[in-house]
């Protein structure tokens, strides 16, 4: 096989190896069909010549896929890491794929973290408002329902076109300590779980569509009775007890662990976007839910921010309403499949 398709096979017409010919054909856009790209990639991988790791990663740009699930199914990639995806409109972008959890094929589409708990709806609070707590801007920055993208995937701060472009059925969520290298995300995660009810297919196929149906904004509707859906989860690391323990003692009385919930409304009508690992039973959702609209009236602007009231009774004190330091200093990664 090496003699036919490897370095020793040289064209009499061009003097080029088969491998170099393939790369040039792809680069010149003569092979745009997905089946052709799959076939070319297959033959290149059959060659046994030594290759650096960077070349292997670079060659992933040859794939044509909308999601990590498609890459796993069509190109037989089973390793976690960075891959290139292409949107419906032809935009190519790079994101992280979890190819191992529960069969793999999970696409990282967004991340939420608190860059400064003392900054109340200031620069960096892009999942609430970066323009202060303002009742006249009830949706804040509105990033749950727009097509903005941010950050770098390697730093767990990226939000990709996949957030609105991919049509998915389920979600996976990782809580990872801030500033960890990508290779350490999985082993250092304090909490990882996924859904398996295919709930996203009932709400348009992604969070972009779900939050259009359940707007995350101040004064949207009444607490509890108008919350969005709560979906049961399957734990990949952690359990109900560890989930509960990450939040403050008072907050623990307010929720049931073992769920992921959307558009939770506070007693004073502020809206939070996602309650990770929890299902609200009361209205103090600011103590255990993340993201939100543009106005938080209780003790304004004390609540306002991507991690709302996680430090209400002190930074990382794990007393009263305050979450643990582990939870406060972890990024929340959102995946689709």
C-alpha atoms as a PDB file:
ATOM      1  CA  UNK A   1       0.000   0.000   0.000  1.00  0.00           C
ATOM      2  CA  UNK A   2       2.850   2.363   0.812  1.00  0.00           C
ATOM      3  CA  UNK A   3       4.387   1.769  -2.597  1.00  0.00           C
ATOM      4  CA  UNK A   4       1.111   2.654  -4.324  1.00  0.00           C
ATOM      5  CA  UNK A   5       0.052   5.661  -2.257  1.00  0.00           C
ATOM      6  CA  UNK A   6       3.051   6.651  -0.163  1.00  0.00           C
ATOM      7  CA  UNK A   7       6.259   8.536  -0.735  1.00  0.00           C
ATOM      8  CA  UNK A   8       7.658   6.065  -3.227  1.00  0.00           C
ATOM      9  CA  UNK A   9       4.803   6.537  -5.702  1.00  0.00           C
ATOM     10  CA  UNK A  10       5.811   9.470  -7.910  1.00  0.00           C
ATOM     11  CA  UNK A  11       3.884  10.664 -10.946  1.00  0.00           C
ATOM     12  CA  UNK A  12       5.883  10.515 -14.185  1.00  0.00           C
ATOM     13  CA  UNK A  13       4.001  13.579 -15.437  1.00  0.00           C
ATOM     14  CA  UNK A  14       4.381  15.894 -12.443  1.00  0.00           C
ATOM     15  CA  UNK A  15       7.183  14.361 -10.392  1.00  0.00           C
ATOM     16  CA  UNK A  16       5.029  14.728  -7.260  1.00  0.00           C
ATOM     17  CA  UNK A  17       4.067  12.157  -4.674  1.00  0.00           C
ATOM     18  CA  UNK A  18       0.485  11.012  -4.373  1.00  0.00           C
ATOM     19  CA  UNK A  19       0.164  12.729  -0.970  1.00  0.00           C
ATOM     20  CA  UNK A  20       1.325  16.108  -2.266  1.00  0.00           C
ATOM     21  CA  UNK A  21      -1.004  15.842  -5.252  1.00  0.00           C
ATOM     22  CA  UNK A  22      -3.947  15.244  -2.923  1.00  0.00           C
ATOM     23  CA  UNK A  23      -3.151  18.295  -0.802  1.00  0.00           C
ATOM     24  CA  UNK A  24      -2.818  20.517  -3.846  1.00  0.00           C
ATOM     25  CA  UNK A  25      -6.101  19.302  -5.277  1.00  0.00           C
ATOM     26  CA  UNK A  26      -7.897  20.104  -2.027  1.00  0.00           C
ATOM     27  CA  UNK A  27      -6.191  23.484  -1.677  1.00  0.00           C
ATOM     28  CA  UNK A  28      -7.244  24.473  -5.197  1.00  0.00           C
ATOM     29  CA  UNK A  29     -10.865  23.614  -4.427  1.00  0.00           C
ATOM     30  CA  UNK A  30     -11.142  20.967  -7.101  1.00  0.00           C
ATOM     31  CA  UNK A  31     -12.548  18.519  -4.519  1.00  0.00           C
ATOM     32  CA  UNK A  32     -15.449  20.186  -2.762  1.00  0.00           C
ATOM     33  CA  UNK A  33     -17.722  17.196  -2.434  1.00  0.00           C
ATOM     34  CA  UNK A  34     -17.790  15.707   1.071  1.00  0.00           C
ATOM     35  CA  UNK A  35     -17.456  12.144  -0.160  1.00  0.00           C
ATOM     36  CA  UNK A  36     -14.316  13.063  -2.108  1.00  0.00           C
ATOM     37  CA  UNK A  37     -12.800  14.774   0.926  1.00  0.00           C
ATOM     38  CA  UNK A  38     -13.536  11.666   3.021  1.00  0.00           C
ATOM     39  CA  UNK A  39     -11.868   9.423   0.438  1.00  0.00           C
ATOM     40  CA  UNK A  40      -8.807  11.653   0.124  1.00  0.00           C
ATOM     41  CA  UNK A  41      -8.404  11.853   3.896  1.00  0.00           C
ATOM     42  CA  UNK A  42      -8.676   8.069   4.157  1.00  0.00           C
ATOM     43  CA  UNK A  43      -5.843   7.498   1.683  1.00  0.00           C
ATOM     44  CA  UNK A  44      -3.618  10.114   3.283  1.00  0.00           C
ATOM     45  CA  UNK A  45      -4.049   8.452   6.683  1.00  0.00           C
ATOM     46  CA  UNK A  46      -3.048   5.085   5.192  1.00  0.00           C
ATOM     47  CA  UNK A  47       0.405   6.440   4.477  1.00  0.00           C
ATOM     48  CA  UNK A  48       3.002   5.499   7.077  1.00  0.00           C
ATOM     49  CA  UNK A  49       5.461   8.370   6.780  1.00  0.00           C
ATOM     50  CA  UNK A  50       6.244  10.204  10.069  1.00  0.00           C
ATOM     51  CA  UNK A  51       4.113  13.276  10.757  1.00  0.00           C
ATOM     52  CA  UNK A  52       4.275  15.895  13.468  1.00  0.00           C
ATOM     53  CA  UNK A  53       1.298  16.403  15.748  1.00  0.00           C
ATOM     54  CA  UNK A  54       0.728  19.924  14.416  1.00  0.00           C
ATOM     55  CA  UNK A  55       0.288  18.566  10.873  1.00  0.00           C
ATOM     56  CA  UNK A  56      -2.381  16.130  12.054  1.00  0.00           C
ATOM     57  CA  UNK A  57      -4.337  18.923  13.711  1.00  0.00           C
ATOM     58  CA  UNK A  58      -3.895  21.234  10.722  1.00  0.00           C
ATOM     59  CA  UNK A  59      -5.237  18.593   8.352  1.00  0.00           C
ATOM     60  CA  UNK A  60      -8.513  18.592  10.241  1.00  0.00           C
ATOM     61  CA  UNK A  61      -9.352  21.729   8.275  1.00  0.00           C
ATOM     62  CA  UNK A  62     -10.059  19.406   5.323  1.00  0.00           C
ATOM     63  CA  UNK A  63     -13.160  18.077   7.046  1.00  0.00           C
ATOM     64  CA  UNK A  64     -16.558  19.399   6.029  1.00  0.00           C
ATOM     65  CA  UNK A  65     -18.956  19.013   8.953  1.00  0.00           C
ATOM     66  CA  UNK A  66     -21.479  21.099  10.877  1.00  0.00           C
ATOM     67  CA  UNK A  67     -20.821  19.449  14.255  1.00  0.00           C
ATOM     68  CA  UNK A  68     -18.403  17.259  16.185  1.00  0.00           C
ATOM     69  CA  UNK A  69     -20.928  14.450  15.932  1.00  0.00           C
ATOM     70  CA  UNK A  70     -20.631  14.561  12.136  1.00  0.00           C
ATOM     71  CA  UNK A  71     -16.831  14.531  12.337  1.00  0.00           C
ATOM     72  CA  UNK A  72     -16.868  11.487  14.579  1.00  0.00           C
ATOM     73  CA  UNK A  73     -19.323   9.633  12.355  1.00  0.00           C
ATOM     74  CA  UNK A  74     -17.852  10.544   8.944  1.00  0.00           C
ATOM     75  CA  UNK A  75     -14.125  10.863   9.620  1.00  0.00           C
ATOM     76  CA  UNK A  76     -13.678   8.382  12.464  1.00  0.00           C
ATOM     77  CA  UNK A  77     -12.056  10.830  14.867  1.00  0.00           C
ATOM     78  CA  UNK A  78     -12.261   9.681  18.490  1.00  0.00           C
ATOM     79  CA  UNK A  79      -9.867  12.060  20.244  1.00  0.00           C
ATOM     80  CA  UNK A  80     -10.894  15.092  22.306  1.00  0.00           C
ATOM     81  CA  UNK A  81      -9.458  18.339  20.993  1.00  0.00           C
ATOM     82  CA  UNK A  82      -9.751  21.167  18.503  1.00  0.00           C
ATOM     83  CA  UNK A  83     -11.509  20.618  15.184  1.00  0.00           C
ATOM     84  CA  UNK A  84     -12.772  22.779  12.318  1.00  0.00           C
ATOM     85  CA  UNK A  85     -16.482  23.058  11.598  1.00  0.00           C
ATOM     86  CA  UNK A  86     -18.391  24.770   8.798  1.00  0.00           C
ATOM     87  CA  UNK A  87     -21.678  26.594   9.258  1.00  0.00           C
ATOM     88  CA  UNK A  88     -24.642  26.318   6.925  1.00  0.00           C
ATOM     89  CA  UNK A  89     -23.472  29.548   5.265  1.00  0.00           C
ATOM     90  CA  UNK A  90     -19.914  28.316   4.781  1.00  0.00           C
ATOM     91  CA  UNK A  91     -18.181  30.032   7.722  1.00  0.00           C
ATOM     92  CA  UNK A  92     -15.272  27.900   8.951  1.00  0.00           C
ATOM     93  CA  UNK A  93     -14.404  28.091  12.646  1.00  0.00           C
ATOM     94  CA  UNK A  94     -12.462  26.096  15.212  1.00  0.00           C
ATOM     95  CA  UNK A  95     -13.894  24.667  18.399  1.00  0.00           C
ATOM     96  CA  UNK A  96     -13.369  21.960  20.989  1.00  0.00           C
ATOM     97  CA  UNK A  97     -14.923  18.518  20.515  1.00  0.00           C
ATOM     98  CA  UNK A  98     -15.563  16.050  23.327  1.00  0.00           C
ATOM     99  CA  UNK A  99     -15.245  12.760  21.454  1.00  0.00           C
ATOM    100  CA  UNK A 100     -15.345  10.433  24.470  1.00  0.00           C
ATOM    101  CA  UNK A 101     -18.197  11.230  26.868  1.00  0.00           C
ATOM    102  CA  UNK A 102     -21.190   8.934  26.408  1.00  0.00           C
ATOM    103  CA  UNK A 103     -20.220   8.011  22.863  1.00  0.00           C
ATOM    104  CA  UNK A 104     -18.668  11.397  22.039  1.00  0.00           C
ATOM    105  CA  UNK A 105     -19.627  13.908  19.373  1.00  0.00           C
ATOM    106  CA  UNK A 106     -20.212  16.882  21.723  1.00  0.00           C
ATOM    107  CA  UNK A 107     -19.556  20.360  20.277  1.00  0.00           C
ATOM    108  CA  UNK A 108     -18.473  23.208  22.574  1.00  0.00           C
ATOM    109  CA  UNK A 109     -20.680  26.184  21.683  1.00  0.00           C
ATOM    110  CA  UNK A 110     -20.414  28.618  24.605  1.00  0.00           C
ATOM    111  CA  UNK A 111     -18.809  29.270  27.972  1.00  0.00           C
ATOM    112  CA  UNK A 112     -19.882  31.371  30.931  1.00  0.00           C
ATOM    113  CA  UNK A 113     -17.471  32.536  33.625  1.00  0.00           C
ATOM    114  CA  UNK A 114     -17.237  35.369  36.103  1.00  0.00           C
ATOM    115  CA  UNK A 115     -14.223  37.503  35.253  1.00  0.00           C
ATOM    116  CA  UNK A 116     -14.800  39.913  38.157  1.00  0.00           C
ATOM    117  CA  UNK A 117     -17.410  39.199  40.826  1.00  0.00           C
ATOM    118  CA  UNK A 118     -17.002  42.756  42.139  1.00  0.00           C
ATOM    119  CA  UNK A 119     -17.818  44.301  38.780  1.00  0.00           C
ATOM    120  CA  UNK A 120     -21.619  44.498  38.637  1.00  0.00           C
ATOM    121  CA  UNK A 121     -22.798  44.274  35.036  1.00  0.00           C
ATOM    122  CA  UNK A 122     -19.545  45.777  33.832  1.00  0.00           C
ATOM    123  CA  UNK A 123     -17.077  44.825  31.091  1.00  0.00           C
ATOM    124  CA  UNK A 124     -16.908  41.032  30.779  1.00  0.00           C
ATOM    125  CA  UNK A 125     -20.467  40.332  31.982  1.00  0.00           C
ATOM    126  CA  UNK A 126     -21.528  39.508  28.443  1.00  0.00           C
ATOM    127  CA  UNK A 127     -24.147  36.931  29.462  1.00  0.00           C
ATOM    128  CA  UNK A 128     -26.076  39.584  31.429  1.00  0.00           C
ATOM    129  CA  UNK A 129     -25.212  43.241  30.775  1.00  0.00           C
ATOM    130  CA  UNK A 130     -21.972  45.142  30.355  1.00  0.00           C
ATOM    131  CA  UNK A 131     -23.825  48.452  30.698  1.00  0.00           C
ATOM    132  CA  UNK A 132     -24.997  48.355  34.283  1.00  0.00           C
ATOM    133  CA  UNK A 133     -28.280  47.256  35.832  1.00  0.00           C
ATOM    134  CA  UNK A 134     -30.936  49.149  33.910  1.00  0.00           C
ATOM    135  CA  UNK A 135     -34.722  48.545  33.903  1.00  0.00           C
ATOM    136  CA  UNK A 136     -34.884  50.307  30.527  1.00  0.00           C
ATOM    137  CA  UNK A 137     -32.600  47.621  29.050  1.00  0.00           C
ATOM    138  CA  UNK A 138     -34.498  44.558  30.305  1.00  0.00           C
ATOM    139  CA  UNK A 139     -32.611  42.094  28.068  1.00  0.00           C
ATOM    140  CA  UNK A 140     -29.169  43.503  28.885  1.00  0.00           C
ATOM    141  CA  UNK A 141     -26.679  42.648  26.133  1.00  0.00           C
ATOM    142  CA  UNK A 142     -29.110  40.040  24.778  1.00  0.00           C
ATOM    143  CA  UNK A 143     -26.380  37.554  23.896  1.00  0.00           C
ATOM    144  CA  UNK A 144     -28.570  34.547  24.631  1.00  0.00           C
ATOM    145  CA  UNK A 145     -30.634  35.432  21.555  1.00  0.00           C
ATOM    146  CA  UNK A 146     -28.171  37.017  19.130  1.00  0.00           C
ATOM    147  CA  UNK A 147     -25.342  35.833  16.909  1.00  0.00           C
ATOM    148  CA  UNK A 148     -22.372  37.490  18.622  1.00  0.00           C
ATOM    149  CA  UNK A 149     -19.212  35.417  19.125  1.00  0.00           C
ATOM    150  CA  UNK A 150     -16.386  35.959  21.598  1.00  0.00           C
ATOM    151  CA  UNK A 151     -13.062  34.856  22.933  1.00  0.00           C
ATOM    152  CA  UNK A 152     -10.670  31.994  22.310  1.00  0.00           C
ATOM    153  CA  UNK A 153     -11.603  28.352  22.618  1.00  0.00           C
ATOM    154  CA  UNK A 154      -8.245  27.457  24.227  1.00  0.00           C
ATOM    155  CA  UNK A 155      -9.068  29.730  27.149  1.00  0.00           C
ATOM    156  CA  UNK A 156     -12.593  28.400  27.631  1.00  0.00           C
ATOM    157  CA  UNK A 157     -13.939  31.840  26.726  1.00  0.00           C
ATOM    158  CA  UNK A 158     -15.139  31.168  23.185  1.00  0.00           C
ATOM    159  CA  UNK A 159     -18.695  31.234  21.936  1.00  0.00           C
ATOM    160  CA  UNK A 160     -18.950  29.966  18.403  1.00  0.00           C
ATOM    161  CA  UNK A 161     -21.419  30.118  15.509  1.00  0.00           C
ATOM    162  CA  UNK A 162     -22.405  26.598  16.554  1.00  0.00           C
ATOM    163  CA  UNK A 163     -24.480  28.169  19.350  1.00  0.00           C
ATOM    164  CA  UNK A 164     -27.086  29.206  16.782  1.00  0.00           C
ATOM    165  CA  UNK A 165     -26.055  27.194  13.690  1.00  0.00           C
ATOM    166  CA  UNK A 166     -26.073  23.593  14.978  1.00  0.00           C
ATOM    167  CA  UNK A 167     -29.345  21.735  15.321  1.00  0.00           C
ATOM    168  CA  UNK A 168     -28.934  19.429  18.302  1.00  0.00           C
ATOM    169  CA  UNK A 169     -30.948  17.190  20.578  1.00  0.00           C
ATOM    170  CA  UNK A 170     -29.046  17.151  23.869  1.00  0.00           C
ATOM    171  CA  UNK A 171     -26.605  19.187  25.950  1.00  0.00           C
ATOM    172  CA  UNK A 172     -23.526  18.483  28.028  1.00  0.00           C
ATOM    173  CA  UNK A 173     -22.143  20.824  30.689  1.00  0.00           C
ATOM    174  CA  UNK A 174     -18.659  20.990  32.214  1.00  0.00           C
ATOM    175  CA  UNK A 175     -17.610  23.120  35.179  1.00  0.00           C
ATOM    176  CA  UNK A 176     -13.834  23.552  34.933  1.00  0.00           C
ATOM    177  CA  UNK A 177     -11.468  25.640  37.103  1.00  0.00           C
ATOM    178  CA  UNK A 178     -10.523  28.941  35.502  1.00  0.00           C
ATOM    179  CA  UNK A 179      -7.230  29.218  33.622  1.00  0.00           C
ATOM    180  CA  UNK A 180      -6.794  25.484  33.057  1.00  0.00           C
ATOM    181  CA  UNK A 181      -5.176  24.363  29.820  1.00  0.00           C
ATOM    182  CA  UNK A 182      -7.472  22.642  27.381  1.00  0.00           C
ATOM    183  CA  UNK A 183      -5.794  19.257  27.846  1.00  0.00           C
ATOM    184  CA  UNK A 184      -6.685  19.461  31.554  1.00  0.00           C
ATOM    185  CA  UNK A 185     -10.346  20.388  31.185  1.00  0.00           C
ATOM    186  CA  UNK A 186     -11.773  16.894  31.465  1.00  0.00           C
ATOM    187  CA  UNK A 187      -9.629  15.527  34.316  1.00  0.00           C
ATOM    188  CA  UNK A 188      -9.900  18.692  36.449  1.00  0.00           C
ATOM    189  CA  UNK A 189     -13.625  19.358  35.987  1.00  0.00           C
ATOM    190  CA  UNK A 190     -15.485  19.713  39.275  1.00  0.00           C
ATOM    191  CA  UNK A 191     -18.772  18.731  37.624  1.00  0.00           C
ATOM    192  CA  UNK A 192     -19.712  17.153  34.288  1.00  0.00           C
ATOM    193  CA  UNK A 193     -23.098  15.904  33.091  1.00  0.00           C
ATOM    194  CA  UNK A 194     -25.291  15.520  30.016  1.00  0.00           C
ATOM    195  CA  UNK A 195     -28.934  15.157  29.056  1.00  0.00           C
ATOM    196  CA  UNK A 196     -30.350  12.253  27.079  1.00  0.00           C
ATOM    197  CA  UNK A 197     -34.015  13.163  26.582  1.00  0.00           C
ATOM    198  CA  UNK A 198     -33.470  14.946  23.228  1.00  0.00           C
ATOM    199  CA  UNK A 199     -35.188  17.969  24.718  1.00  0.00           C
ATOM    200  CA  UNK A 200     -33.597  20.528  22.374  1.00  0.00           C
ATOM    201  CA  UNK A 201     -35.534  19.090  19.442  1.00  0.00           C
ATOM    202  CA  UNK A 202     -38.694  20.330  21.199  1.00  0.00           C
ATOM    203  CA  UNK A 203     -37.366  23.902  21.407  1.00  0.00           C
ATOM    204  CA  UNK A 204     -35.927  24.570  17.971  1.00  0.00           C
ATOM    205  CA  UNK A 205     -32.731  22.527  18.227  1.00  0.00           C
ATOM    206  CA  UNK A 206     -30.472  24.884  20.209  1.00  0.00           C
ATOM    207  CA  UNK A 207     -30.352  27.459  23.014  1.00  0.00           C
ATOM    208  CA  UNK A 208     -30.634  30.328  20.562  1.00  0.00           C
ATOM    209  CA  UNK A 209     -34.124  29.124  19.636  1.00  0.00           C
ATOM    210  CA  UNK A 210     -35.040  28.053  23.180  1.00  0.00           C
ATOM    211  CA  UNK A 211     -34.337  31.516  24.590  1.00  0.00           C
ATOM    212  CA  UNK A 212     -36.403  33.123  21.862  1.00  0.00           C
ATOM    213  CA  UNK A 213     -39.304  31.142  23.286  1.00  0.00           C
ATOM    214  CA  UNK A 214     -38.307  31.902  26.877  1.00  0.00           C
ATOM    215  CA  UNK A 215     -36.804  35.423  26.794  1.00  0.00           C
ATOM    216  CA  UNK A 216     -34.172  36.137  29.423  1.00  0.00           C
ATOM    217  CA  UNK A 217     -35.137  39.633  30.451  1.00  0.00           C
ATOM    218  CA  UNK A 218     -36.330  41.610  33.427  1.00  0.00           C
ATOM    219  CA  UNK A 219     -40.085  41.653  34.011  1.00  0.00           C
ATOM    220  CA  UNK A 220     -40.677  38.873  31.488  1.00  0.00           C
ATOM    221  CA  UNK A 221     -43.318  36.977  33.481  1.00  0.00           C
ATOM    222  CA  UNK A 222     -44.091  35.641  36.967  1.00  0.00           C
ATOM    223  CA  UNK A 223     -41.648  33.580  39.081  1.00  0.00           C
ATOM    224  CA  UNK A 224     -41.825  29.775  39.165  1.00  0.00           C
ATOM    225  CA  UNK A 225     -44.995  29.323  37.114  1.00  0.00           C
ATOM    226  CA  UNK A 226     -43.387  30.933  34.056  1.00  0.00           C
ATOM    227  CA  UNK A 227     -39.931  29.428  34.345  1.00  0.00           C
ATOM    228  CA  UNK A 228     -38.544  27.604  31.333  1.00  0.00           C
ATOM    229  CA  UNK A 229     -38.052  23.828  31.129  1.00  0.00           C
ATOM    230  CA  UNK A 230     -36.127  21.744  33.676  1.00  0.00           C
ATOM    231  CA  UNK A 231     -34.439  18.683  32.165  1.00  0.00           C
ATOM    232  CA  UNK A 232     -33.099  15.636  34.081  1.00  0.00           C
ATOM    233  CA  UNK A 233     -29.375  15.033  33.740  1.00  0.00           C
ATOM    234  CA  UNK A 234     -26.995  12.063  33.761  1.00  0.00           C
ATOM    235  CA  UNK A 235     -23.799  12.638  35.726  1.00  0.00           C
ATOM    236  CA  UNK A 236     -20.406  11.956  34.125  1.00  0.00           C
ATOM    237  CA  UNK A 237     -18.460  13.332  37.089  1.00  0.00           C
ATOM    238  CA  UNK A 238     -20.135  14.198  40.383  1.00  0.00           C
ATOM    239  CA  UNK A 239     -23.634  13.445  41.651  1.00  0.00           C
ATOM    240  CA  UNK A 240     -26.644  15.125  43.250  1.00  0.00           C
ATOM    241  CA  UNK A 241     -24.929  15.501  46.606  1.00  0.00           C
ATOM    242  CA  UNK A 242     -21.783  17.104  45.228  1.00  0.00           C
ATOM    243  CA  UNK A 243     -23.901  19.406  43.050  1.00  0.00           C
ATOM    244  CA  UNK A 244     -25.821  20.577  46.090  1.00  0.00           C
ATOM    245  CA  UNK A 245     -22.671  21.065  48.126  1.00  0.00           C
ATOM    246  CA  UNK A 246     -21.197  23.567  45.652  1.00  0.00           C
ATOM    247  CA  UNK A 247     -23.853  26.157  46.521  1.00  0.00           C
ATOM    248  CA  UNK A 248     -24.509  28.109  49.716  1.00  0.00           C
ATOM    249  CA  UNK A 249     -26.434  26.570  52.654  1.00  0.00           C
ATOM    250  CA  UNK A 250     -29.432  28.851  52.118  1.00  0.00           C
ATOM    251  CA  UNK A 251     -29.431  28.227  48.375  1.00  0.00           C
ATOM    252  CA  UNK A 252     -29.463  24.464  48.907  1.00  0.00           C
ATOM    253  CA  UNK A 253     -32.994  24.752  50.329  1.00  0.00           C
ATOM    254  CA  UNK A 254     -34.181  26.457  47.151  1.00  0.00           C
ATOM    255  CA  UNK A 255     -33.551  23.799  44.508  1.00  0.00           C
ATOM    256  CA  UNK A 256     -33.644  20.113  43.632  1.00  0.00           C
ATOM    257  CA  UNK A 257     -30.365  18.764  42.219  1.00  0.00           C
ATOM    258  CA  UNK A 258     -30.159  16.487  39.164  1.00  0.00           C
ATOM    259  CA  UNK A 259     -31.524  18.869  36.508  1.00  0.00           C
ATOM    260  CA  UNK A 260     -30.552  21.664  34.172  1.00  0.00           C
ATOM    261  CA  UNK A 261     -33.106  24.489  34.048  1.00  0.00           C
ATOM    262  CA  UNK A 262     -33.662  27.451  31.739  1.00  0.00           C
ATOM    263  CA  UNK A 263     -35.069  30.982  32.176  1.00  0.00           C
ATOM    264  CA  UNK A 264     -35.549  30.955  35.935  1.00  0.00           C
ATOM    265  CA  UNK A 265     -37.354  34.022  37.272  1.00  0.00           C
ATOM    266  CA  UNK A 266     -36.465  35.686  40.578  1.00  0.00           C
ATOM    267  CA  UNK A 267     -39.046  36.787  43.149  1.00  0.00           C
ATOM    268  CA  UNK A 268     -38.381  40.368  42.072  1.00  0.00           C
ATOM    269  CA  UNK A 269     -38.819  39.436  38.394  1.00  0.00           C
ATOM    270  CA  UNK A 270     -35.185  39.409  37.316  1.00  0.00           C
ATOM    271  CA  UNK A 271     -34.478  36.539  34.909  1.00  0.00           C
ATOM    272  CA  UNK A 272     -31.569  34.089  35.059  1.00  0.00           C
ATOM    273  CA  UNK A 273     -30.636  32.042  31.970  1.00  0.00           C
ATOM    274  CA  UNK A 274     -29.355  28.651  33.183  1.00  0.00           C
ATOM    275  CA  UNK A 275     -29.513  26.810  36.501  1.00  0.00           C
ATOM    276  CA  UNK A 276     -26.729  24.258  36.144  1.00  0.00           C
ATOM    277  CA  UNK A 277     -27.430  20.965  37.872  1.00  0.00           C
ATOM    278  CA  UNK A 278     -30.533  22.302  39.605  1.00  0.00           C
ATOM    279  CA  UNK A 279     -34.306  22.731  39.371  1.00  0.00           C
ATOM    280  CA  UNK A 280     -35.708  25.777  41.208  1.00  0.00           C
ATOM    281  CA  UNK A 281     -38.229  25.226  44.007  1.00  0.00           C
ATOM    282  CA  UNK A 282     -38.179  28.833  45.188  1.00  0.00           C
ATOM    283  CA  UNK A 283     -37.572  32.291  43.833  1.00  0.00           C
ATOM    284  CA  UNK A 284     -34.035  33.062  45.065  1.00  0.00           C
ATOM    285  CA  UNK A 285     -32.579  31.762  41.815  1.00  0.00           C
ATOM    286  CA  UNK A 286     -29.826  34.376  41.749  1.00  0.00           C
ATOM    287  CA  UNK A 287     -27.853  32.290  44.281  1.00  0.00           C
ATOM    288  CA  UNK A 288     -27.445  29.243  42.010  1.00  0.00           C
ATOM    289  CA  UNK A 289     -28.270  30.239  38.400  1.00  0.00           C
ATOM    290  CA  UNK A 290     -26.041  32.027  35.864  1.00  0.00           C
ATOM    291  CA  UNK A 291     -26.459  34.630  33.140  1.00  0.00           C
ATOM    292  CA  UNK A 292     -29.516  36.809  32.872  1.00  0.00           C
ATOM    293  CA  UNK A 293     -31.212  39.944  31.661  1.00  0.00           C
ATOM    294  CA  UNK A 294     -30.277  43.579  32.129  1.00  0.00           C
ATOM    295  CA  UNK A 295     -31.818  44.493  35.483  1.00  0.00           C
ATOM    296  CA  UNK A 296     -31.672  42.938  38.952  1.00  0.00           C
ATOM    297  CA  UNK A 297     -33.682  45.176  41.294  1.00  0.00           C
ATOM    298  CA  UNK A 298     -32.858  43.589  44.679  1.00  0.00           C
ATOM    299  CA  UNK A 299     -30.117  45.687  46.291  1.00  0.00           C
ATOM    300  CA  UNK A 300     -29.164  46.875  42.785  1.00  0.00           C
ATOM    301  CA  UNK A 301     -26.588  46.475  41.447  1.00  0.00           C
ATOM    302  CA  UNK A 302     -25.376  43.871  43.965  1.00  0.00           C
ATOM    303  CA  UNK A 303     -26.897  40.949  42.024  1.00  0.00           C
ATOM    304  CA  UNK A 304     -25.939  42.082  38.562  1.00  0.00           C
ATOM    305  CA  UNK A 305     -23.376  39.900  36.776  1.00  0.00           C
ATOM    306  CA  UNK A 306     -22.878  36.586  35.029  1.00  0.00           C
ATOM    307  CA  UNK A 307     -22.714  34.731  38.365  1.00  0.00           C
ATOM    308  CA  UNK A 308     -25.387  37.002  39.905  1.00  0.00           C
ATOM    309  CA  UNK A 309     -25.386  36.519  43.723  1.00  0.00           C
ATOM    310  CA  UNK A 310     -22.779  33.797  44.070  1.00  0.00           C
ATOM    311  CA  UNK A 311     -20.839  36.029  46.511  1.00  0.00           C
ATOM    312  CA  UNK A 312     -23.791  37.596  48.329  1.00  0.00           C
ATOM    313  CA  UNK A 313     -22.331  36.759  51.765  1.00  0.00           C
ATOM    314  CA  UNK A 314     -18.691  37.097  50.793  1.00  0.00           C
ATOM    315  CA  UNK A 315     -16.339  35.792  48.118  1.00  0.00           C
ATOM    316  CA  UNK A 316     -16.082  32.003  48.251  1.00  0.00           C
ATOM    317  CA  UNK A 317     -17.193  31.876  51.897  1.00  0.00           C
ATOM    318  CA  UNK A 318     -19.727  29.100  51.258  1.00  0.00           C
ATOM    319  CA  UNK A 319     -21.909  30.704  53.935  1.00  0.00           C
ATOM    320  CA  UNK A 320     -25.461  31.993  53.707  1.00  0.00           C
ATOM    321  CA  UNK A 321     -26.233  32.510  50.018  1.00  0.00           C
ATOM    322  CA  UNK A 322     -22.591  32.462  48.854  1.00  0.00           C
ATOM    323  CA  UNK A 323     -21.437  29.594  46.652  1.00  0.00           C
ATOM    324  CA  UNK A 324     -18.207  27.726  47.240  1.00  0.00           C
ATOM    325  CA  UNK A 325     -14.958  29.113  45.875  1.00  0.00           C
ATOM    326  CA  UNK A 326     -14.693  26.085  43.583  1.00  0.00           C
ATOM    327  CA  UNK A 327     -17.990  26.941  41.910  1.00  0.00           C
ATOM    328  CA  UNK A 328     -17.308  30.678  41.797  1.00  0.00           C
ATOM    329  CA  UNK A 329     -13.929  30.195  40.132  1.00  0.00           C
ATOM    330  CA  UNK A 330     -15.045  27.705  37.467  1.00  0.00           C
ATOM    331  CA  UNK A 331     -16.072  28.309  33.866  1.00  0.00           C
ATOM    332  CA  UNK A 332     -19.281  26.674  32.667  1.00  0.00           C
ATOM    333  CA  UNK A 333     -18.828  25.058  29.238  1.00  0.00           C
ATOM    334  CA  UNK A 334     -21.935  24.313  27.159  1.00  0.00           C
ATOM    335  CA  UNK A 335     -21.925  21.537  24.543  1.00  0.00           C
ATOM    336  CA  UNK A 336     -24.439  20.317  21.935  1.00  0.00           C
ATOM    337  CA  UNK A 337     -25.004  16.917  20.385  1.00  0.00           C
END
